[in-house]
Structure formats: structure tokens, C-alpha cells
Amino acid sequence: MMTFVATVLGSFTTPMRIGTDPASMLWLLPLVVSIAVVYKATKVYRIQPWPFAKESAVLVGSIVVFIVVAAIILYGITWIVTEQLPPLLDKSVF
């Protein structure tokens, strides 16, 4: 029994490896859904199935849209810094 407990506790010390390819970004969706559901559950006075599901879906959509917009902005900044800025800095002013 103690070996089982040690194995379970030990598995939390090494993080799960998730890549950065587009397919692995799908792991974001369950996290966003759980965050939206828990947030909405703490904010409403009485949970009714249809309004709760609708409000949670709107919150999931807004979180995903925000993450996509932030990713596009960060990609653009990275592209400017790595591709466009070095040639400008290499040119001499004189």
C-alpha cells in the first residue's frame, strides 16, 4: 500500500510533456472549459441548466478568442523582432 501511495505522489513531481505544435494546443480546450464552468458556478445565485450552459459557452468562446488574439499579437511581435529588426540594425547611418 505504501508503494502505491509513493508512486502516486511521485507522479506529481514530474510535469507532463506537452509539445508546442498545433495539435497539442488542443489540450487548452478542456482547461478553458473547466475554468469557465467553475467561474460561472461561483458567480450565479441559482444554477439552471440551459442558461448556465449558454453563459459558460459564451465565456469559453471569449476566453478562446482572447487567447487566439494574444497569440497572433505575440507572433507578430516575435516576427518583427527576429525577421524585420535585425536587417534595420545592420545598416549604417553614415
Protein backbone atom coordinates (compact mmCIF):
# COMPACT_ATOMS: atom_id res chain seq x y z
CA MET A 1 0.00 0.00 0.00
CA MET A 2 2.80 2.41 0.85
CA THR A 3 4.47 1.74 -2.51
CA PHE A 4 1.25 2.68 -4.33
CA VAL A 5 0.94 5.93 -2.36
CA ALA A 6 4.59 6.76 -3.02
CA THR A 7 4.11 6.10 -6.75
CA VAL A 8 1.03 8.31 -6.97
CA LEU A 9 2.66 11.13 -5.04
CA GLY A 10 5.87 10.76 -7.05
CA SER A 11 4.00 11.11 -10.35
CA PHE A 12 3.08 14.69 -9.44
CA THR A 13 6.73 15.74 -9.23
CA THR A 14 7.42 15.35 -12.95
CA PRO A 15 5.33 17.52 -15.29
CA MET A 16 3.58 16.10 -18.32
CA ARG A 17 5.39 16.92 -21.56
CA ILE A 18 3.14 18.81 -23.97
CA GLY A 19 4.61 19.97 -27.27
CA THR A 20 4.06 23.29 -28.97
CA ASP A 21 2.62 22.03 -32.24
CA PRO A 22 -0.96 22.99 -33.17
CA ALA A 23 -2.38 19.57 -32.27
CA SER A 24 -1.04 19.76 -28.73
CA MET A 25 -2.67 23.16 -28.26
CA LEU A 26 -5.98 21.30 -28.17
CA TRP A 27 -5.11 20.45 -24.56
CA LEU A 28 -6.04 24.07 -23.89
CA LEU A 29 -9.74 23.46 -24.53
CA PRO A 30 -10.51 21.22 -21.52
CA LEU A 31 -8.67 23.69 -19.30
CA VAL A 32 -10.68 26.62 -20.67
CA VAL A 33 -13.96 24.74 -20.29
CA SER A 34 -13.21 23.83 -16.68
CA ILE A 35 -12.18 27.39 -15.84
CA ALA A 36 -15.35 28.80 -17.42
CA VAL A 37 -17.67 26.34 -15.69
CA VAL A 38 -16.10 26.83 -12.26
CA TYR A 39 -16.06 30.62 -12.67
CA LYS A 40 -19.72 30.72 -13.73
CA ALA A 41 -20.70 28.34 -10.92
CA THR A 42 -19.22 30.71 -8.37
CA LYS A 43 -20.88 33.80 -9.86
CA VAL A 44 -24.51 32.71 -10.29
CA TYR A 45 -27.01 32.56 -7.45
CA ARG A 46 -29.01 29.62 -8.78
CA ILE A 47 -27.81 27.22 -11.47
CA GLN A 48 -30.36 26.42 -14.17
CA PRO A 49 -29.11 24.03 -16.87
CA TRP A 50 -29.82 25.96 -20.09
CA PRO A 51 -28.80 29.50 -19.00
CA PHE A 52 -25.76 28.14 -17.19
CA ALA A 53 -24.62 26.16 -20.26
CA LYS A 54 -25.22 29.15 -22.52
CA GLU A 55 -23.30 31.58 -20.29
CA SER A 56 -20.47 29.07 -19.85
CA ALA A 57 -20.25 28.58 -23.62
CA VAL A 58 -20.07 32.34 -24.17
CA LEU A 59 -17.30 32.58 -21.58
CA VAL A 60 -15.40 29.67 -23.19
CA GLY A 61 -15.68 31.39 -26.58
CA SER A 62 -14.48 34.73 -25.25
CA ILE A 63 -11.50 33.13 -23.49
CA VAL A 64 -10.51 31.20 -26.62
CA VAL A 65 -10.85 34.33 -28.80
CA PHE A 66 -8.73 36.32 -26.36
CA ILE A 67 -6.04 33.60 -26.35
CA VAL A 68 -6.00 33.47 -30.16
CA VAL A 69 -5.74 37.28 -30.44
CA ALA A 70 -2.95 37.34 -27.85
CA ALA A 71 -1.11 34.57 -29.72
CA ILE A 72 -1.39 36.45 -33.02
CA ILE A 73 -0.09 39.66 -31.43
CA LEU A 74 2.82 37.83 -29.78
CA TYR A 75 3.62 36.05 -33.06
CA GLY A 76 3.66 39.41 -34.85
CA ILE A 77 5.98 40.93 -32.25
CA THR A 78 8.27 37.92 -32.49
CA TRP A 79 8.30 38.15 -36.29
CA ILE A 80 9.20 41.84 -36.17
CA VAL A 81 11.99 41.34 -33.64
CA THR A 82 13.53 38.29 -35.34
CA GLU A 83 12.95 38.97 -39.03
CA GLN A 84 12.47 42.69 -39.63
CA LEU A 85 14.51 44.41 -36.94
CA PRO A 86 17.98 42.79 -37.45
CA PRO A 87 18.33 43.98 -41.08
CA LEU A 88 17.41 47.50 -39.99
CA LEU A 89 20.01 47.45 -37.25
CA ASP A 90 22.73 46.17 -39.59
CA LYS A 91 22.51 49.22 -41.85
CA SER A 92 24.90 52.01 -41.09
CA VAL A 93 23.53 55.52 -40.53
CA PHE A 94 26.62 57.18 -42.06
